[in-house]
Amino acid sequence: ADRIEADLLAQGVSPKKAFKAGALGRRVTVTGVD
């Protein structure tokens, strides 16, 4: 995601769109149980 965001920012994409480009799927609150 860091690399994706940096590349998009270098191309002039807005910071918000660049950040969203590195997201995978949707956010969840509980990831696992150990």
PDB file of all heavy atoms in Angstrom:
ATOM      1  N   ALA A   1       0.817  -1.214   0.000  1.00  0.00           N
ATOM      2  CA  ALA A   1       0.000   0.000   0.000  1.00  0.00           C
ATOM      3  C   ALA A   1       0.852   1.267   0.000  1.00  0.00           C
ATOM      4  O   ALA A   1       0.508   2.246  -0.655  1.00  0.00           O
ATOM      5  CB  ALA A   1      -0.945   0.002   1.200  1.00  0.00           C
ATOM      6  N   ASP A   2       1.974   1.232   0.708  1.00  0.00           N
ATOM      7  CA  ASP A   2       2.847   2.413   0.746  1.00  0.00           C
ATOM      8  C   ASP A   2       3.339   2.761  -0.655  1.00  0.00           C
ATOM      9  O   ASP A   2       3.339   3.921  -1.059  1.00  0.00           O
ATOM     10  CB  ASP A   2       4.052   2.166   1.662  1.00  0.00           C
ATOM     11  CG  ASP A   2       3.644   1.865   3.096  1.00  0.00           C
ATOM     12  OD1 ASP A   2       2.545   2.293   3.499  1.00  0.00           O
ATOM     13  OD2 ASP A   2       4.426   1.204   3.795  1.00  0.00           O
ATOM     14  N   ARG A   3       3.751   1.742  -1.386  1.00  0.00           N
ATOM     15  CA  ARG A   3       4.267   1.936  -2.744  1.00  0.00           C
ATOM     16  C   ARG A   3       3.146   2.399  -3.685  1.00  0.00           C
ATOM     17  O   ARG A   3       3.344   3.312  -4.496  1.00  0.00           O
ATOM     18  CB  ARG A   3       4.863   0.624  -3.256  1.00  0.00           C
ATOM     19  CG  ARG A   3       5.551   0.766  -4.587  1.00  0.00           C
ATOM     20  CD  ARG A   3       6.053  -0.540  -5.140  1.00  0.00           C
ATOM     21  NE  ARG A   3       6.837  -1.308  -4.177  1.00  0.00           N
ATOM     22  CZ  ARG A   3       7.119  -2.588  -4.309  1.00  0.00           C
ATOM     23  NH1 ARG A   3       6.689  -3.258  -5.374  1.00  0.00           N
ATOM     24  NH2 ARG A   3       7.828  -3.222  -3.417  1.00  0.00           N
ATOM     25  N   ILE A   4       1.973   1.777  -3.575  1.00  0.00           N
ATOM     26  CA  ILE A   4       0.825   2.144  -4.418  1.00  0.00           C
ATOM     27  C   ILE A   4       0.457   3.602  -4.182  1.00  0.00           C
ATOM     28  O   ILE A   4       0.263   4.378  -5.117  1.00  0.00           O
ATOM     29  CB  ILE A   4      -0.379   1.219  -4.132  1.00  0.00           C
ATOM     30  CG1 ILE A   4      -0.071  -0.206  -4.585  1.00  0.00           C
ATOM     31  CG2 ILE A   4      -1.648   1.749  -4.775  1.00  0.00           C
ATOM     32  CD1 ILE A   4      -1.069  -1.239  -4.104  1.00  0.00           C
ATOM     33  N   GLU A   5       0.371   3.986  -2.901  1.00  0.00           N
ATOM     34  CA  GLU A   5       0.001   5.351  -2.550  1.00  0.00           C
ATOM     35  C   GLU A   5       1.040   6.357  -3.055  1.00  0.00           C
ATOM     36  O   GLU A   5       0.687   7.384  -3.629  1.00  0.00           O
ATOM     37  CB  GLU A   5      -0.147   5.456  -1.034  1.00  0.00           C
ATOM     38  CG  GLU A   5      -0.780   6.734  -0.572  1.00  0.00           C
ATOM     39  CD  GLU A   5      -1.091   6.726   0.917  1.00  0.00           C
ATOM     40  OE1 GLU A   5      -1.145   5.645   1.533  1.00  0.00           O
ATOM     41  OE2 GLU A   5      -1.272   7.832   1.453  1.00  0.00           O
ATOM     42  N   ALA A   6       2.316   6.061  -2.885  1.00  0.00           N
ATOM     43  CA  ALA A   6       3.372   6.973  -3.337  1.00  0.00           C
ATOM     44  C   ALA A   6       3.345   7.146  -4.853  1.00  0.00           C
ATOM     45  O   ALA A   6       3.501   8.269  -5.363  1.00  0.00           O
ATOM     46  CB  ALA A   6       4.737   6.453  -2.886  1.00  0.00           C
ATOM     47  N   ASP A   7       3.132   6.043  -5.582  1.00  0.00           N
ATOM     48  CA  ASP A   7       3.074   6.121  -7.048  1.00  0.00           C
ATOM     49  C   ASP A   7       1.906   6.990  -7.513  1.00  0.00           C
ATOM     50  O   ASP A   7       2.053   7.803  -8.429  1.00  0.00           O
ATOM     51  CB  ASP A   7       2.954   4.720  -7.667  1.00  0.00           C
ATOM     52  CG  ASP A   7       4.232   3.907  -7.539  1.00  0.00           C
ATOM     53  OD1 ASP A   7       5.287   4.492  -7.213  1.00  0.00           O
ATOM     54  OD2 ASP A   7       4.155   2.676  -7.753  1.00  0.00           O
ATOM     55  N   LEU A   8       0.750   6.812  -6.881  1.00  0.00           N
ATOM     56  CA  LEU A   8      -0.421   7.598  -7.274  1.00  0.00           C
ATOM     57  C   LEU A   8      -0.265   9.066  -6.912  1.00  0.00           C
ATOM     58  O   LEU A   8      -0.679   9.945  -7.677  1.00  0.00           O
ATOM     59  CB  LEU A   8      -1.684   7.012  -6.643  1.00  0.00           C
ATOM     60  CG  LEU A   8      -2.123   5.655  -7.202  1.00  0.00           C
ATOM     61  CD1 LEU A   8      -3.297   5.090  -6.420  1.00  0.00           C
ATOM     62  CD2 LEU A   8      -2.482   5.774  -8.678  1.00  0.00           C
ATOM     63  N   LEU A   9       0.317   9.342  -5.760  1.00  0.00           N
ATOM     64  CA  LEU A   9       0.556  10.739  -5.381  1.00  0.00           C
ATOM     65  C   LEU A   9       1.520  11.407  -6.361  1.00  0.00           C
ATOM     66  O   LEU A   9       1.352  12.578  -6.704  1.00  0.00           O
ATOM     67  CB  LEU A   9       1.097  10.827  -3.956  1.00  0.00           C
ATOM     68  CG  LEU A   9       0.094  10.517  -2.846  1.00  0.00           C
ATOM     69  CD1 LEU A   9       0.792  10.426  -1.500  1.00  0.00           C
ATOM     70  CD2 LEU A   9      -1.019  11.555  -2.814  1.00  0.00           C
ATOM     71  N   ALA A  10       2.522  10.667  -6.827  1.00  0.00           N
ATOM     72  CA  ALA A  10       3.475  11.194  -7.810  1.00  0.00           C
ATOM     73  C   ALA A  10       2.795  11.501  -9.142  1.00  0.00           C
ATOM     74  O   ALA A  10       3.241  12.385  -9.879  1.00  0.00           O
ATOM     75  CB  ALA A  10       4.616  10.203  -8.016  1.00  0.00           C
ATOM     76  N   GLN A  11       1.716  10.776  -9.438  1.00  0.00           N
ATOM     77  CA  GLN A  11       0.961  11.002 -10.671  1.00  0.00           C
ATOM     78  C   GLN A  11      -0.053  12.127 -10.526  1.00  0.00           C
ATOM     79  O   GLN A  11      -0.772  12.448 -11.461  1.00  0.00           O
ATOM     80  CB  GLN A  11       0.221   9.721 -11.084  1.00  0.00           C
ATOM     81  CG  GLN A  11       1.134   8.583 -11.465  1.00  0.00           C
ATOM     82  CD  GLN A  11       0.363   7.290 -11.683  1.00  0.00           C
ATOM     83  OE1 GLN A  11      -0.861   7.293 -11.827  1.00  0.00           O
ATOM     84  NE2 GLN A  11       1.085   6.173 -11.708  1.00  0.00           N
ATOM     85  N   GLY A  12      -0.173  12.706  -9.317  1.00  0.00           N
ATOM     86  CA  GLY A  12      -1.086  13.828  -9.105  1.00  0.00           C
ATOM     87  C   GLY A  12      -2.463  13.439  -8.602  1.00  0.00           C
ATOM     88  O   GLY A  12      -3.359  14.288  -8.562  1.00  0.00           O
ATOM     89  N   VAL A  13      -2.652  12.193  -8.218  1.00  0.00           N
ATOM     90  CA  VAL A  13      -3.941  11.757  -7.669  1.00  0.00           C
ATOM     91  C   VAL A  13      -4.093  12.346  -6.269  1.00  0.00           C
ATOM     92  O   VAL A  13      -3.106  12.526  -5.555  1.00  0.00           O
ATOM     93  CB  VAL A  13      -4.006  10.202  -7.633  1.00  0.00           C
ATOM     94  CG1 VAL A  13      -5.252   9.709  -6.960  1.00  0.00           C
ATOM     95  CG2 VAL A  13      -3.904   9.651  -9.040  1.00  0.00           C
ATOM     96  N   SER A  14      -5.329  12.645  -5.879  1.00  0.00           N
ATOM     97  CA  SER A  14      -5.558  13.232  -4.558  1.00  0.00           C
ATOM     98  C   SER A  14      -5.146  12.255  -3.455  1.00  0.00           C
ATOM     99  O   SER A  14      -5.223  11.031  -3.637  1.00  0.00           O
ATOM    100  CB  SER A  14      -7.036  13.598  -4.389  1.00  0.00           C
ATOM    101  OG  SER A  14      -7.815  12.436  -4.202  1.00  0.00           O
ATOM    102  N   PRO A  15      -4.702  12.778  -2.295  1.00  0.00           N
ATOM    103  CA  PRO A  15      -4.287  11.907  -1.193  1.00  0.00           C
ATOM    104  C   PRO A  15      -5.386  10.939  -0.743  1.00  0.00           C
ATOM    105  O   PRO A  15      -5.107   9.787  -0.413  1.00  0.00           O
ATOM    106  CB  PRO A  15      -3.937  12.881  -0.066  1.00  0.00           C
ATOM    107  CG  PRO A  15      -3.555  14.139  -0.774  1.00  0.00           C
ATOM    108  CD  PRO A  15      -4.433  14.180  -1.992  1.00  0.00           C
ATOM    109  N   LYS A  16      -6.625  11.381  -0.763  1.00  0.00           N
ATOM    110  CA  LYS A  16      -7.741  10.527  -0.342  1.00  0.00           C
ATOM    111  C   LYS A  16      -7.907   9.339  -1.300  1.00  0.00           C
ATOM    112  O   LYS A  16      -8.056   8.199  -0.870  1.00  0.00           O
ATOM    113  CB  LYS A  16      -9.029  11.341  -0.272  1.00  0.00           C
ATOM    114  CG  LYS A  16     -10.198  10.593   0.307  1.00  0.00           C
ATOM    115  CD  LYS A  16     -11.405  11.498   0.465  1.00  0.00           C
ATOM    116  CE  LYS A  16     -12.556  10.744   1.072  1.00  0.00           C
ATOM    117  NZ  LYS A  16     -13.733  11.611   1.282  1.00  0.00           N
ATOM    118  N   LYS A  17      -7.853   9.606  -2.611  1.00  0.00           N
ATOM    119  CA  LYS A  17      -7.983   8.535  -3.600  1.00  0.00           C
ATOM    120  C   LYS A  17      -6.775   7.602  -3.561  1.00  0.00           C
ATOM    121  O   LYS A  17      -6.908   6.397  -3.728  1.00  0.00           O
ATOM    122  CB  LYS A  17      -8.175   9.111  -5.008  1.00  0.00           C
ATOM    123  CG  LYS A  17      -9.548   9.672  -5.244  1.00  0.00           C
ATOM    124  CD  LYS A  17      -9.717  10.120  -6.677  1.00  0.00           C
ATOM    125  CE  LYS A  17     -11.115  10.673  -6.895  1.00  0.00           C
ATOM    126  NZ  LYS A  17     -11.333  11.095  -8.277  1.00  0.00           N
ATOM    127  N   ALA A  18      -5.596   8.170  -3.351  1.00  0.00           N
ATOM    128  CA  ALA A  18      -4.380   7.350  -3.276  1.00  0.00           C
ATOM    129  C   ALA A  18      -4.455   6.413  -2.071  1.00  0.00           C
ATOM    130  O   ALA A  18      -4.085   5.245  -2.159  1.00  0.00           O
ATOM    131  CB  ALA A  18      -3.145   8.240  -3.187  1.00  0.00           C
ATOM    132  N   PHE A  19      -4.945   6.923  -0.948  1.00  0.00           N
ATOM    133  CA  PHE A  19      -5.081   6.094   0.253  1.00  0.00           C
ATOM    134  C   PHE A  19      -6.091   4.971   0.019  1.00  0.00           C
ATOM    135  O   PHE A  19      -5.848   3.820   0.377  1.00  0.00           O
ATOM    136  CB  PHE A  19      -5.500   6.951   1.450  1.00  0.00           C
ATOM    137  CG  PHE A  19      -5.605   6.172   2.723  1.00  0.00           C
ATOM    138  CD1 PHE A  19      -4.465   5.884   3.467  1.00  0.00           C
ATOM    139  CD2 PHE A  19      -6.828   5.719   3.189  1.00  0.00           C
ATOM    140  CE1 PHE A  19      -4.547   5.166   4.654  1.00  0.00           C
ATOM    141  CE2 PHE A  19      -6.919   4.994   4.364  1.00  0.00           C
ATOM    142  CZ  PHE A  19      -5.777   4.712   5.096  1.00  0.00           C
ATOM    143  N   LYS A  20      -7.219   5.302  -0.607  1.00  0.00           N
ATOM    144  CA  LYS A  20      -8.258   4.294  -0.871  1.00  0.00           C
ATOM    145  C   LYS A  20      -7.781   3.214  -1.837  1.00  0.00           C
ATOM    146  O   LYS A  20      -8.228   2.079  -1.782  1.00  0.00           O
ATOM    147  CB  LYS A  20      -9.522   4.953  -1.423  1.00  0.00           C
ATOM    148  CG  LYS A  20     -10.332   5.650  -0.375  1.00  0.00           C
ATOM    149  CD  LYS A  20     -11.631   6.179  -0.969  1.00  0.00           C
ATOM    150  CE  LYS A  20     -12.498   6.793   0.085  1.00  0.00           C
ATOM    151  NZ  LYS A  20     -13.790   7.237  -0.457  1.00  0.00           N
ATOM    152  N   ALA A  21      -6.854   3.550  -2.724  1.00  0.00           N
ATOM    153  CA  ALA A  21      -6.352   2.578  -3.702  1.00  0.00           C
ATOM    154  C   ALA A  21      -5.607   1.434  -3.028  1.00  0.00           C
ATOM    155  O   ALA A  21      -5.530   0.334  -3.570  1.00  0.00           O
ATOM    156  CB  ALA A  21      -5.454   3.267  -4.721  1.00  0.00           C
ATOM    157  N   GLY A  22      -5.063   1.680  -1.852  1.00  0.00           N
ATOM    158  CA  GLY A  22      -4.336   0.633  -1.140  1.00  0.00           C
ATOM    159  C   GLY A  22      -5.199  -0.220  -0.245  1.00  0.00           C
ATOM    160  O   GLY A  22      -4.698  -1.147   0.404  1.00  0.00           O
ATOM    161  N   ALA A  23      -6.491   0.051  -0.200  1.00  0.00           N
ATOM    162  CA  ALA A  23      -7.401  -0.708   0.672  1.00  0.00           C
ATOM    163  C   ALA A  23      -7.796  -2.040   0.042  1.00  0.00           C
ATOM    164  O   ALA A  23      -7.927  -2.143  -1.172  1.00  0.00           O
ATOM    165  CB  ALA A  23      -8.647   0.118   0.962  1.00  0.00           C
ATOM    166  N   LEU A  24      -7.968  -3.036   0.876  1.00  0.00           N
ATOM    167  CA  LEU A  24      -8.454  -4.347   0.436  1.00  0.00           C
ATOM    168  C   LEU A  24      -9.794  -4.624   1.110  1.00  0.00           C
ATOM    169  O   LEU A  24      -9.870  -4.630   2.333  1.00  0.00           O
ATOM    170  CB  LEU A  24      -7.472  -5.457   0.830  1.00  0.00           C
ATOM    171  CG  LEU A  24      -6.087  -5.416   0.215  1.00  0.00           C
ATOM    172  CD1 LEU A  24      -5.219  -6.501   0.825  1.00  0.00           C
ATOM    173  CD2 LEU A  24      -6.178  -5.609  -1.288  1.00  0.00           C
ATOM    174  N   GLY A  25     -10.806  -4.854   0.337  1.00  0.00           N
ATOM    175  CA  GLY A  25     -12.098  -5.255   0.904  1.00  0.00           C
ATOM    176  C   GLY A  25     -12.699  -4.223   1.837  1.00  0.00           C
ATOM    177  O   GLY A  25     -12.486  -3.039   1.705  1.00  0.00           O
ATOM    178  N   ARG A  26     -13.433  -4.714   2.837  1.00  0.00           N
ATOM    179  CA  ARG A  26     -14.092  -3.819   3.775  1.00  0.00           C
ATOM    180  C   ARG A  26     -13.484  -3.989   5.162  1.00  0.00           C
ATOM    181  O   ARG A  26     -12.867  -4.999   5.456  1.00  0.00           O
ATOM    182  CB  ARG A  26     -15.593  -4.110   3.827  1.00  0.00           C
ATOM    183  CG  ARG A  26     -15.891  -5.510   4.286  1.00  0.00           C
ATOM    184  CD  ARG A  26     -17.365  -5.823   4.150  1.00  0.00           C
ATOM    185  NE  ARG A  26     -17.522  -7.226   4.461  1.00  0.00           N
ATOM    186  CZ  ARG A  26     -18.296  -7.695   5.402  1.00  0.00           C
ATOM    187  NH1 ARG A  26     -19.032  -6.877   6.089  1.00  0.00           N
ATOM    188  NH2 ARG A  26     -18.365  -8.970   5.651  1.00  0.00           N
ATOM    189  N   ARG A  27     -13.720  -3.005   5.988  1.00  0.00           N
ATOM    190  CA  ARG A  27     -13.170  -3.046   7.337  1.00  0.00           C
ATOM    191  C   ARG A  27     -14.041  -3.891   8.253  1.00  0.00           C
ATOM    192  O   ARG A  27     -15.259  -3.863   8.173  1.00  0.00           O
ATOM    193  CB  ARG A  27     -13.056  -1.637   7.904  1.00  0.00           C
ATOM    194  CG  ARG A  27     -12.028  -0.829   7.180  1.00  0.00           C
ATOM    195  CD  ARG A  27     -11.862   0.490   7.828  1.00  0.00           C
ATOM    196  NE  ARG A  27     -10.758   1.190   7.183  1.00  0.00           N
ATOM    197  CZ  ARG A  27     -10.173   2.227   7.683  1.00  0.00           C
ATOM    198  NH1 ARG A  27     -10.555   2.705   8.828  1.00  0.00           N
ATOM    199  NH2 ARG A  27      -9.176   2.798   7.046  1.00  0.00           N
ATOM    200  N   VAL A  28     -13.377  -4.622   9.126  1.00  0.00           N
ATOM    201  CA  VAL A  28     -14.071  -5.435  10.121  1.00  0.00           C
ATOM    202  C   VAL A  28     -13.508  -5.078  11.494  1.00  0.00           C
ATOM    203  O   VAL A  28     -12.399  -4.586  11.622  1.00  0.00           O
ATOM    204  CB  VAL A  28     -13.894  -6.947   9.848  1.00  0.00           C
ATOM    205  CG1 VAL A  28     -14.565  -7.348   8.560  1.00  0.00           C
ATOM    206  CG2 VAL A  28     -12.439  -7.324   9.825  1.00  0.00           C
ATOM    207  N   THR A  29     -14.299  -5.357  12.551  1.00  0.00           N
ATOM    208  CA  THR A  29     -13.836  -5.010  13.890  1.00  0.00           C
ATOM    209  C   THR A  29     -13.116  -6.164  14.572  1.00  0.00           C
ATOM    210  O   THR A  29     -12.177  -5.949  15.308  1.00  0.00           O
ATOM    211  CB  THR A  29     -15.006  -4.555  14.769  1.00  0.00           C
ATOM    212  OG1 THR A  29     -15.993  -5.576  14.793  1.00  0.00           O
ATOM    213  CG2 THR A  29     -15.605  -3.270  14.242  1.00  0.00           C
ATOM    214  N   VAL A  30     -13.556  -7.396  14.355  1.00  0.00           N
ATOM    215  CA  VAL A  30     -12.878  -8.549  14.947  1.00  0.00           C
ATOM    216  C   VAL A  30     -12.223  -9.331  13.821  1.00  0.00           C
ATOM    217  O   VAL A  30     -12.872  -9.760  12.889  1.00  0.00           O
ATOM    218  CB  VAL A  30     -13.855  -9.469  15.712  1.00  0.00           C
ATOM    219  CG1 VAL A  30     -13.143 -10.713  16.198  1.00  0.00           C
ATOM    220  CG2 VAL A  30     -14.469  -8.720  16.873  1.00  0.00           C
ATOM    221  N   THR A  31     -10.912  -9.488  13.915  1.00  0.00           N
ATOM    222  CA  THR A  31     -10.170 -10.157  12.872  1.00  0.00           C
ATOM    223  C   THR A  31      -9.980 -11.630  13.168  1.00  0.00           C
ATOM    224  O   THR A  31      -9.947 -12.450  12.274  1.00  0.00           O
ATOM    225  CB  THR A  31      -8.795  -9.482  12.686  1.00  0.00           C
ATOM    226  OG1 THR A  31      -9.004  -8.098  12.522  1.00  0.00           O
ATOM    227  CG2 THR A  31      -8.083 -10.010  11.484  1.00  0.00           C
ATOM    228  N   GLY A  32      -9.838 -11.983  14.442  1.00  0.00           N
ATOM    229  CA  GLY A  32      -9.600 -13.380  14.774  1.00  0.00           C
ATOM    230  C   GLY A  32      -9.714 -13.644  16.256  1.00  0.00           C
ATOM    231  O   GLY A  32      -9.853 -12.742  17.070  1.00  0.00           O
ATOM    232  N   VAL A  33      -9.674 -14.916  16.589  1.00  0.00           N
ATOM    233  CA  VAL A  33      -9.693 -15.356  17.975  1.00  0.00           C
ATOM    234  C   VAL A  33      -8.516 -16.315  18.147  1.00  0.00           C
ATOM    235  O   VAL A  33      -8.308 -17.205  17.333  1.00  0.00           O
ATOM    236  CB  VAL A  33     -11.021 -16.066  18.328  1.00  0.00           C
ATOM    237  CG1 VAL A  33     -11.019 -16.532  19.770  1.00  0.00           C
ATOM    238  CG2 VAL A  33     -12.198 -15.150  18.060  1.00  0.00           C
ATOM    239  N   ASP A  34      -7.738 -16.109  19.203  1.00  0.00           N
ATOM    240  CA  ASP A  34      -6.564 -16.934  19.465  1.00  0.00           C
ATOM    241  C   ASP A  34      -6.822 -17.789  20.698  1.00  0.00           C
ATOM    242  O   ASP A  34      -7.231 -17.279  21.739  1.00  0.00           O
ATOM    243  CB  ASP A  34      -5.341 -16.044  19.694  1.00  0.00           C
ATOM    244  CG  ASP A  34      -4.074 -16.842  19.948  1.00  0.00           C
ATOM    245  OD1 ASP A  34      -3.925 -17.925  19.353  1.00  0.00           O
ATOM    246  OD2 ASP A  34      -3.246 -16.388  20.739  1.00  0.00           O
TER     247      ASP A  34
END
